[in-house]
Amino acid sequence: MVREITSLVAFYLCLPLLFAGESADERFKEANDLYKTEEYSEAIKAYESLIEDQSNNVALFYNLGNSYYKTQNLGKAILYYEKALKLNPDYEKAAYNLKLANARVADRVESSPSIAFYNKWNKFLLSIGSGSFAFVAILFSVLIGLGIFLFITGKSVSSRKTGFALGIVSFIGFGLFVFLSISAATYTNRSPEGIILTKKVDIKTEPKADANTAFVLHEGAKVSISSNLDGWVEIKIANGNMGWIKSQDLGKI
């Protein structure tokens, strides 16, 4: 009897979640219908109302990016394409549209050779993923065990040499892929990035409105976020330059 009552209570507690899920799906479909009929401003409102409920919906961010692009809001279009790619780095449509949008960004910040190499290296790590590197490291750990087993139990000199060589090579491989896995995980948890949402903004040397201007950025520029202070955000661009911007001028990816 107690078990039946517990099950009944659990069922009724779950009902609101079930209906909420159905409601979110229906609202997403309605937003898509608005987009298809080129009612982009209304589609934007509908999509944005779903972000909290469907924060892992790649298509939601992609469609929202398209809607902003259609309404000539370059900064937010790039922001939501980036959000879609953060959830799914292999999303080709989002990557292509992001490339088109980035071509319209006024700023062309050249990376230093060291930063350019660092960015390419990190993209490589992200494309493979920490989990894949960790899996290979586990395989090498198995081979280490096999090498040790052959070295200890081998009845001939050649089998013991084979075990020793296998153990050494596998140990090197294990160390390498553990390093790659940690590096990929570190990059995944790197400093957050953001997109400039204002047409033109002065980047300040200090978090003060009357501070000197360090440099200027335009809508759609991508930056790294270093810290936050009283409504100001410290940012860094690809060439290493740093400065402060008001938080409302920046959208966090």
C-alpha atoms as a PDB file:
ATOM      1  CA  MET A   1       0.000   0.000   0.000  1.00  0.00           C
ATOM      2  CA  VAL A   2       2.780   2.410   0.932  1.00  0.00           C
ATOM      3  CA  ARG A   3       4.599   1.585  -2.310  1.00  0.00           C
ATOM      4  CA  GLU A   4       1.459   2.309  -4.363  1.00  0.00           C
ATOM      5  CA  ILE A   5       0.943   5.660  -2.636  1.00  0.00           C
ATOM      6  CA  THR A   6       4.607   6.583  -3.212  1.00  0.00           C
ATOM      7  CA  SER A   7       4.335   5.700  -6.906  1.00  0.00           C
ATOM      8  CA  LEU A   8       1.144   7.742  -7.247  1.00  0.00           C
ATOM      9  CA  VAL A   9       2.726  10.786  -5.593  1.00  0.00           C
ATOM     10  CA  ALA A  10       5.811  10.490  -7.833  1.00  0.00           C
ATOM     11  CA  PHE A  11       3.559  10.289 -10.908  1.00  0.00           C
ATOM     12  CA  TYR A  12       1.708  13.483 -10.027  1.00  0.00           C
ATOM     13  CA  LEU A  13       4.952  15.267  -9.206  1.00  0.00           C
ATOM     14  CA  CYS A  14       6.285  14.422 -12.674  1.00  0.00           C
ATOM     15  CA  LEU A  15       3.164  15.590 -14.513  1.00  0.00           C
ATOM     16  CA  PRO A  16       4.167  19.295 -14.583  1.00  0.00           C
ATOM     17  CA  LEU A  17       7.562  18.354 -16.041  1.00  0.00           C
ATOM     18  CA  LEU A  18       5.933  16.279 -18.771  1.00  0.00           C
ATOM     19  CA  PHE A  19       3.551  19.061 -19.740  1.00  0.00           C
ATOM     20  CA  ALA A  20       6.361  21.627 -19.602  1.00  0.00           C
ATOM     21  CA  GLY A  21       8.387  19.532 -22.043  1.00  0.00           C
ATOM     22  CA  GLU A  22       5.473  19.244 -24.448  1.00  0.00           C
ATOM     23  CA  SER A  23       4.799  22.966 -24.158  1.00  0.00           C
ATOM     24  CA  ALA A  24       8.442  23.826 -24.941  1.00  0.00           C
ATOM     25  CA  ASP A  25       8.414  21.561 -28.007  1.00  0.00           C
ATOM     26  CA  GLU A  26       5.200  23.143 -29.237  1.00  0.00           C
ATOM     27  CA  ARG A  27       6.587  26.638 -28.713  1.00  0.00           C
ATOM     28  CA  PHE A  28       9.744  25.700 -30.608  1.00  0.00           C
ATOM     29  CA  LYS A  29       7.614  24.504 -33.519  1.00  0.00           C
ATOM     30  CA  GLU A  30       5.644  27.758 -33.428  1.00  0.00           C
ATOM     31  CA  ALA A  31       8.903  29.731 -33.478  1.00  0.00           C
ATOM     32  CA  ASN A  32      10.066  27.712 -36.489  1.00  0.00           C
ATOM     33  CA  ASP A  33       6.779  28.447 -38.255  1.00  0.00           C
ATOM     34  CA  LEU A  34       7.308  32.168 -37.664  1.00  0.00           C
ATOM     35  CA  TYR A  35      10.808  31.886 -39.102  1.00  0.00           C
ATOM     36  CA  LYS A  36       9.548  30.038 -42.194  1.00  0.00           C
ATOM     37  CA  THR A  37       7.005  32.787 -42.866  1.00  0.00           C
ATOM     38  CA  GLU A  38       9.795  35.382 -42.544  1.00  0.00           C
ATOM     39  CA  GLU A  39       8.347  36.938 -39.389  1.00  0.00           C
ATOM     40  CA  TYR A  40      11.848  37.203 -37.993  1.00  0.00           C
ATOM     41  CA  SER A  41      11.232  39.693 -35.187  1.00  0.00           C
ATOM     42  CA  GLU A  42       8.447  37.528 -33.768  1.00  0.00           C
ATOM     43  CA  ALA A  43      10.552  34.407 -34.276  1.00  0.00           C
ATOM     44  CA  ILE A  44      13.359  36.001 -32.247  1.00  0.00           C
ATOM     45  CA  LYS A  45      10.988  36.664 -29.339  1.00  0.00           C
ATOM     46  CA  ALA A  46       9.698  33.095 -29.502  1.00  0.00           C
ATOM     47  CA  TYR A  47      13.172  31.538 -29.668  1.00  0.00           C
ATOM     48  CA  GLU A  48      14.532  33.683 -26.836  1.00  0.00           C
ATOM     49  CA  SER A  49      11.637  32.661 -24.580  1.00  0.00           C
ATOM     50  CA  LEU A  50      12.813  29.052 -24.990  1.00  0.00           C
ATOM     51  CA  ILE A  51      16.497  29.492 -24.150  1.00  0.00           C
ATOM     52  CA  GLU A  52      16.126  28.743 -20.448  1.00  0.00           C
ATOM     53  CA  ASP A  53      14.076  25.582 -21.081  1.00  0.00           C
ATOM     54  CA  GLN A  54      16.103  24.319 -24.049  1.00  0.00           C
ATOM     55  CA  SER A  55      19.649  25.467 -23.327  1.00  0.00           C
ATOM     56  CA  ASN A  56      21.085  22.372 -25.077  1.00  0.00           C
ATOM     57  CA  ASN A  57      19.010  22.728 -28.241  1.00  0.00           C
ATOM     58  CA  VAL A  58      21.550  23.352 -31.008  1.00  0.00           C
ATOM     59  CA  ALA A  59      18.855  24.047 -33.611  1.00  0.00           C
ATOM     60  CA  LEU A  60      17.361  26.723 -31.349  1.00  0.00           C
ATOM     61  CA  PHE A  61      20.606  28.719 -31.247  1.00  0.00           C
ATOM     62  CA  TYR A  62      21.233  28.174 -34.962  1.00  0.00           C
ATOM     63  CA  ASN A  63      17.745  29.377 -35.933  1.00  0.00           C
ATOM     64  CA  LEU A  64      18.051  32.323 -33.563  1.00  0.00           C
ATOM     65  CA  GLY A  65      21.347  33.240 -35.213  1.00  0.00           C
ATOM     66  CA  ASN A  66      19.686  33.077 -38.629  1.00  0.00           C
ATOM     67  CA  SER A  67      16.812  35.261 -37.428  1.00  0.00           C
ATOM     68  CA  TYR A  68      19.194  37.919 -36.144  1.00  0.00           C
ATOM     69  CA  TYR A  69      21.210  37.756 -39.366  1.00  0.00           C
ATOM     70  CA  LYS A  70      18.027  38.323 -41.378  1.00  0.00           C
ATOM     71  CA  THR A  71      17.244  41.401 -39.266  1.00  0.00           C
ATOM     72  CA  GLN A  72      20.765  42.814 -39.794  1.00  0.00           C
ATOM     73  CA  ASN A  73      21.816  42.288 -36.168  1.00  0.00           C
ATOM     74  CA  LEU A  74      25.316  41.044 -36.894  1.00  0.00           C
ATOM     75  CA  GLY A  75      26.562  40.859 -33.304  1.00  0.00           C
ATOM     76  CA  LYS A  76      23.783  38.646 -32.007  1.00  0.00           C
ATOM     77  CA  ALA A  77      23.796  36.522 -35.163  1.00  0.00           C
ATOM     78  CA  ILE A  78      27.466  35.698 -34.568  1.00  0.00           C
ATOM     79  CA  LEU A  79      26.826  35.182 -30.841  1.00  0.00           C
ATOM     80  CA  TYR A  80      24.182  32.518 -31.433  1.00  0.00           C
ATOM     81  CA  TYR A  81      26.098  30.778 -34.222  1.00  0.00           C
ATOM     82  CA  GLU A  82      28.975  30.522 -31.747  1.00  0.00           C
ATOM     83  CA  LYS A  83      26.632  29.134 -29.091  1.00  0.00           C
ATOM     84  CA  ALA A  84      25.389  26.495 -31.537  1.00  0.00           C
ATOM     85  CA  LEU A  85      28.960  25.487 -32.388  1.00  0.00           C
ATOM     86  CA  LYS A  86      29.898  25.367 -28.715  1.00  0.00           C
ATOM     87  CA  LEU A  87      27.229  22.697 -28.270  1.00  0.00           C
ATOM     88  CA  ASN A  88      28.135  20.920 -31.510  1.00  0.00           C
ATOM     89  CA  PRO A  89      31.537  21.855 -33.044  1.00  0.00           C
ATOM     90  CA  ASP A  90      30.737  19.686 -36.102  1.00  0.00           C
ATOM     91  CA  TYR A  91      27.570  21.605 -37.043  1.00  0.00           C
ATOM     92  CA  GLU A  92      28.528  22.495 -40.630  1.00  0.00           C
ATOM     93  CA  LYS A  93      25.614  24.835 -41.366  1.00  0.00           C
ATOM     94  CA  ALA A  94      26.361  26.936 -38.302  1.00  0.00           C
ATOM     95  CA  ALA A  95      30.073  26.994 -39.163  1.00  0.00           C
ATOM     96  CA  TYR A  96      29.326  28.118 -42.725  1.00  0.00           C
ATOM     97  CA  ASN A  97      26.900  30.851 -41.654  1.00  0.00           C
ATOM     98  CA  LEU A  98      29.348  32.011 -38.984  1.00  0.00           C
ATOM     99  CA  LYS A  99      32.017  32.344 -41.672  1.00  0.00           C
ATOM    100  CA  LEU A 100      29.668  34.490 -43.774  1.00  0.00           C
ATOM    101  CA  ALA A 101      28.784  36.665 -40.787  1.00  0.00           C
ATOM    102  CA  ASN A 102      32.413  37.069 -39.702  1.00  0.00           C
ATOM    103  CA  ALA A 103      33.273  38.322 -43.194  1.00  0.00           C
ATOM    104  CA  ARG A 104      31.127  41.375 -42.415  1.00  0.00           C
ATOM    105  CA  VAL A 105      32.901  42.229 -39.150  1.00  0.00           C
ATOM    106  CA  ALA A 106      34.851  45.487 -39.453  1.00  0.00           C
ATOM    107  CA  ASP A 107      37.738  44.443 -37.201  1.00  0.00           C
ATOM    108  CA  ARG A 108      40.588  42.376 -38.626  1.00  0.00           C
ATOM    109  CA  VAL A 109      42.782  41.574 -35.651  1.00  0.00           C
ATOM    110  CA  GLU A 110      45.966  39.747 -36.602  1.00  0.00           C
ATOM    111  CA  SER A 111      47.175  37.150 -34.133  1.00  0.00           C
ATOM    112  CA  SER A 112      50.848  37.000 -33.228  1.00  0.00           C
ATOM    113  CA  PRO A 113      52.583  33.825 -34.539  1.00  0.00           C
ATOM    114  CA  SER A 114      52.636  32.274 -31.063  1.00  0.00           C
ATOM    115  CA  ILE A 115      48.949  33.010 -30.438  1.00  0.00           C
ATOM    116  CA  ALA A 116      48.011  31.780 -33.929  1.00  0.00           C
ATOM    117  CA  PHE A 117      49.806  28.482 -33.267  1.00  0.00           C
ATOM    118  CA  TYR A 118      48.160  28.236 -29.839  1.00  0.00           C
ATOM    119  CA  ASN A 119      44.705  28.752 -31.384  1.00  0.00           C
ATOM    120  CA  LYS A 120      45.308  26.096 -34.057  1.00  0.00           C
ATOM    121  CA  TRP A 121      46.591  23.667 -31.434  1.00  0.00           C
ATOM    122  CA  ASN A 122      43.530  24.245 -29.274  1.00  0.00           C
ATOM    123  CA  LYS A 123      41.184  23.745 -32.230  1.00  0.00           C
ATOM    124  CA  PHE A 124      42.915  20.430 -32.892  1.00  0.00           C
ATOM    125  CA  LEU A 125      42.416  19.384 -29.262  1.00  0.00           C
ATOM    126  CA  LEU A 126      38.764  20.424 -29.364  1.00  0.00           C
ATOM    127  CA  SER A 127      38.127  18.525 -32.615  1.00  0.00           C
ATOM    128  CA  ILE A 128      39.357  15.265 -31.055  1.00  0.00           C
ATOM    129  CA  GLY A 129      38.046  15.754 -27.523  1.00  0.00           C
ATOM    130  CA  SER A 130      39.385  14.917 -24.080  1.00  0.00           C
ATOM    131  CA  GLY A 131      37.404  11.675 -23.922  1.00  0.00           C
ATOM    132  CA  SER A 132      38.948  10.281 -27.111  1.00  0.00           C
ATOM    133  CA  PHE A 133      42.477  10.993 -25.894  1.00  0.00           C
ATOM    134  CA  ALA A 134      41.639   9.399 -22.539  1.00  0.00           C
ATOM    135  CA  PHE A 135      40.332   6.267 -24.291  1.00  0.00           C
ATOM    136  CA  VAL A 136      43.598   5.851 -26.217  1.00  0.00           C
ATOM    137  CA  ALA A 137      45.526   6.376 -22.958  1.00  0.00           C
ATOM    138  CA  ILE A 138      43.530   3.521 -21.406  1.00  0.00           C
ATOM    139  CA  LEU A 139      44.428   1.263 -24.338  1.00  0.00           C
ATOM    140  CA  PHE A 140      48.099   2.083 -23.818  1.00  0.00           C
ATOM    141  CA  SER A 141      47.759   1.261 -20.111  1.00  0.00           C
ATOM    142  CA  VAL A 142      46.475  -2.187 -21.099  1.00  0.00           C
ATOM    143  CA  LEU A 143      49.487  -2.633 -23.379  1.00  0.00           C
ATOM    144  CA  ILE A 144      51.773  -1.603 -20.503  1.00  0.00           C
ATOM    145  CA  GLY A 145      50.266  -4.394 -18.434  1.00  0.00           C
ATOM    146  CA  LEU A 146      50.719  -6.834 -21.303  1.00  0.00           C
ATOM    147  CA  GLY A 147      54.348  -5.782 -21.710  1.00  0.00           C
ATOM    148  CA  ILE A 148      55.025  -6.277 -17.996  1.00  0.00           C
ATOM    149  CA  PHE A 149      53.336  -9.683 -18.127  1.00  0.00           C
ATOM    150  CA  LEU A 150      55.493 -10.804 -21.074  1.00  0.00           C
ATOM    151  CA  PHE A 151      58.642  -9.487 -19.423  1.00  0.00           C
ATOM    152  CA  ILE A 152      57.971 -11.343 -16.164  1.00  0.00           C
ATOM    153  CA  THR A 153      56.582 -14.606 -17.539  1.00  0.00           C
ATOM    154  CA  GLY A 154      58.496 -14.864 -20.806  1.00  0.00           C
ATOM    155  CA  LYS A 155      60.396 -18.149 -21.092  1.00  0.00           C
ATOM    156  CA  SER A 156      62.860 -16.865 -23.652  1.00  0.00           C
ATOM    157  CA  VAL A 157      65.111 -13.832 -23.921  1.00  0.00           C
ATOM    158  CA  SER A 158      63.336 -12.664 -27.083  1.00  0.00           C
ATOM    159  CA  SER A 159      59.875 -12.740 -25.449  1.00  0.00           C
ATOM    160  CA  ARG A 160      61.167 -10.808 -22.447  1.00  0.00           C
ATOM    161  CA  LYS A 161      62.786  -8.252 -24.780  1.00  0.00           C
ATOM    162  CA  THR A 162      59.492  -7.940 -26.639  1.00  0.00           C
ATOM    163  CA  GLY A 163      57.644  -7.378 -23.368  1.00  0.00           C
ATOM    164  CA  PHE A 164      60.199  -4.786 -22.251  1.00  0.00           C
ATOM    165  CA  ALA A 165      60.016  -2.889 -25.563  1.00  0.00           C
ATOM    166  CA  LEU A 166      56.210  -3.033 -25.587  1.00  0.00           C
ATOM    167  CA  GLY A 167      56.086  -1.709 -22.032  1.00  0.00           C
ATOM    168  CA  ILE A 168      58.456   1.196 -22.750  1.00  0.00           C
ATOM    169  CA  VAL A 169      56.709   2.278 -25.973  1.00  0.00           C
ATOM    170  CA  SER A 170      53.271   1.920 -24.365  1.00  0.00           C
ATOM    171  CA  PHE A 171      54.381   3.932 -21.335  1.00  0.00           C
ATOM    172  CA  ILE A 172      55.501   6.777 -23.617  1.00  0.00           C
ATOM    173  CA  GLY A 173      52.213   6.591 -25.535  1.00  0.00           C
ATOM    174  CA  PHE A 174      50.255   6.531 -22.284  1.00  0.00           C
ATOM    175  CA  GLY A 175      52.021   9.647 -21.000  1.00  0.00           C
ATOM    176  CA  LEU A 176      51.512  11.467 -24.303  1.00  0.00           C
ATOM    177  CA  PHE A 177      47.783  10.804 -24.494  1.00  0.00           C
ATOM    178  CA  VAL A 178      47.221  11.600 -20.824  1.00  0.00           C
ATOM    179  CA  PHE A 179      48.871  14.960 -21.532  1.00  0.00           C
ATOM    180  CA  LEU A 180      46.656  15.497 -24.599  1.00  0.00           C
ATOM    181  CA  SER A 181      43.533  14.535 -22.650  1.00  0.00           C
ATOM    182  CA  ILE A 182      44.344  16.979 -19.845  1.00  0.00           C
ATOM    183  CA  SER A 183      45.179  19.713 -22.373  1.00  0.00           C
ATOM    184  CA  ALA A 184      41.870  19.171 -24.193  1.00  0.00           C
ATOM    185  CA  ALA A 185      39.941  19.258 -20.911  1.00  0.00           C
ATOM    186  CA  THR A 186      41.753  22.441 -19.892  1.00  0.00           C
ATOM    187  CA  TYR A 187      40.893  24.095 -23.214  1.00  0.00           C
ATOM    188  CA  THR A 188      37.253  23.037 -22.873  1.00  0.00           C
ATOM    189  CA  ASN A 189      37.177  24.799 -19.486  1.00  0.00           C
ATOM    190  CA  ARG A 190      39.135  27.802 -20.775  1.00  0.00           C
ATOM    191  CA  SER A 191      38.300  31.418 -20.107  1.00  0.00           C
ATOM    192  CA  PRO A 192      34.859  32.290 -21.496  1.00  0.00           C
ATOM    193  CA  GLU A 193      34.564  34.196 -24.749  1.00  0.00           C
ATOM    194  CA  GLY A 194      32.169  36.864 -25.905  1.00  0.00           C
ATOM    195  CA  ILE A 195      30.962  38.839 -28.908  1.00  0.00           C
ATOM    196  CA  ILE A 196      30.776  42.636 -29.184  1.00  0.00           C
ATOM    197  CA  LEU A 197      27.088  43.569 -29.590  1.00  0.00           C
ATOM    198  CA  THR A 198      27.448  47.353 -30.033  1.00  0.00           C
ATOM    199  CA  LYS A 199      28.086  48.899 -33.459  1.00  0.00           C
ATOM    200  CA  LYS A 200      31.242  50.598 -32.193  1.00  0.00           C
ATOM    201  CA  VAL A 201      32.695  50.607 -28.690  1.00  0.00           C
ATOM    202  CA  ASP A 202      35.725  52.210 -27.051  1.00  0.00           C
ATOM    203  CA  ILE A 203      37.776  49.719 -25.048  1.00  0.00           C
ATOM    204  CA  LYS A 204      39.029  51.479 -21.920  1.00  0.00           C
ATOM    205  CA  THR A 205      42.349  51.146 -20.112  1.00  0.00           C
ATOM    206  CA  GLU A 206      40.485  51.015 -16.782  1.00  0.00           C
ATOM    207  CA  PRO A 207      36.930  50.078 -15.697  1.00  0.00           C
ATOM    208  CA  LYS A 208      35.874  53.743 -15.755  1.00  0.00           C
ATOM    209  CA  ALA A 209      33.805  55.696 -18.266  1.00  0.00           C
ATOM    210  CA  ASP A 210      36.334  58.568 -18.273  1.00  0.00           C
ATOM    211  CA  ALA A 211      39.400  56.318 -18.655  1.00  0.00           C
ATOM    212  CA  ASN A 212      41.617  56.529 -21.732  1.00  0.00           C
ATOM    213  CA  THR A 213      40.632  54.535 -24.804  1.00  0.00           C
ATOM    214  CA  ALA A 214      43.017  51.641 -25.433  1.00  0.00           C
ATOM    215  CA  PHE A 215      41.524  50.653 -28.792  1.00  0.00           C
ATOM    216  CA  VAL A 216      38.184  50.408 -30.609  1.00  0.00           C
ATOM    217  CA  LEU A 217      36.139  47.333 -31.519  1.00  0.00           C
ATOM    218  CA  HIS A 218      33.062  46.902 -33.684  1.00  0.00           C
ATOM    219  CA  GLU A 219      29.981  44.718 -33.668  1.00  0.00           C
ATOM    220  CA  GLY A 220      30.692  41.021 -34.097  1.00  0.00           C
ATOM    221  CA  ALA A 221      34.303  41.024 -32.867  1.00  0.00           C
ATOM    222  CA  LYS A 222      35.195  37.997 -30.744  1.00  0.00           C
ATOM    223  CA  VAL A 223      37.069  38.449 -27.460  1.00  0.00           C
ATOM    224  CA  SER A 224      38.233  36.430 -24.467  1.00  0.00           C
ATOM    225  CA  ILE A 225      36.780  37.377 -21.085  1.00  0.00           C
ATOM    226  CA  SER A 226      39.373  37.768 -18.323  1.00  0.00           C
ATOM    227  CA  SER A 227      37.416  39.180 -15.366  1.00  0.00           C
ATOM    228  CA  ASN A 228      34.363  41.169 -14.237  1.00  0.00           C
ATOM    229  CA  LEU A 229      34.170  44.231 -11.983  1.00  0.00           C
ATOM    230  CA  ASP A 230      31.153  46.417 -11.136  1.00  0.00           C
ATOM    231  CA  GLY A 231      29.423  46.164 -14.507  1.00  0.00           C
ATOM    232  CA  TRP A 232      32.674  46.164 -16.469  1.00  0.00           C
ATOM    233  CA  VAL A 233      34.342  43.236 -18.237  1.00  0.00           C
ATOM    234  CA  GLU A 234      38.063  42.907 -18.878  1.00  0.00           C
ATOM    235  CA  ILE A 235      38.637  41.474 -22.353  1.00  0.00           C
ATOM    236  CA  LYS A 236      41.533  40.272 -24.473  1.00  0.00           C
ATOM    237  CA  ILE A 237      41.712  40.133 -28.272  1.00  0.00           C
ATOM    238  CA  ALA A 238      43.657  37.833 -30.590  1.00  0.00           C
ATOM    239  CA  ASN A 239      46.791  39.995 -30.741  1.00  0.00           C
ATOM    240  CA  GLY A 240      47.074  40.046 -26.941  1.00  0.00           C
ATOM    241  CA  ASN A 241      45.740  43.581 -26.352  1.00  0.00           C
ATOM    242  CA  MET A 242      43.544  43.976 -23.268  1.00  0.00           C
ATOM    243  CA  GLY A 243      41.032  46.515 -21.986  1.00  0.00           C
ATOM    244  CA  TRP A 244      37.673  47.096 -20.309  1.00  0.00           C
ATOM    245  CA  ILE A 245      34.153  47.222 -21.731  1.00  0.00           C
ATOM    246  CA  LYS A 246      30.690  47.747 -20.219  1.00  0.00           C
ATOM    247  CA  SER A 247      28.963  44.400 -19.704  1.00  0.00           C
ATOM    248  CA  GLN A 248      25.885  45.404 -21.736  1.00  0.00           C
ATOM    249  CA  ASP A 249      28.069  45.827 -24.834  1.00  0.00           C
ATOM    250  CA  LEU A 250      29.140  42.181 -24.732  1.00  0.00           C
ATOM    251  CA  GLY A 251      27.340  38.867 -25.217  1.00  0.00           C
ATOM    252  CA  LYS A 252      28.886  35.837 -23.512  1.00  0.00           C
ATOM    253  CA  ILE A 253      29.155  32.732 -25.683  1.00  0.00           C
END
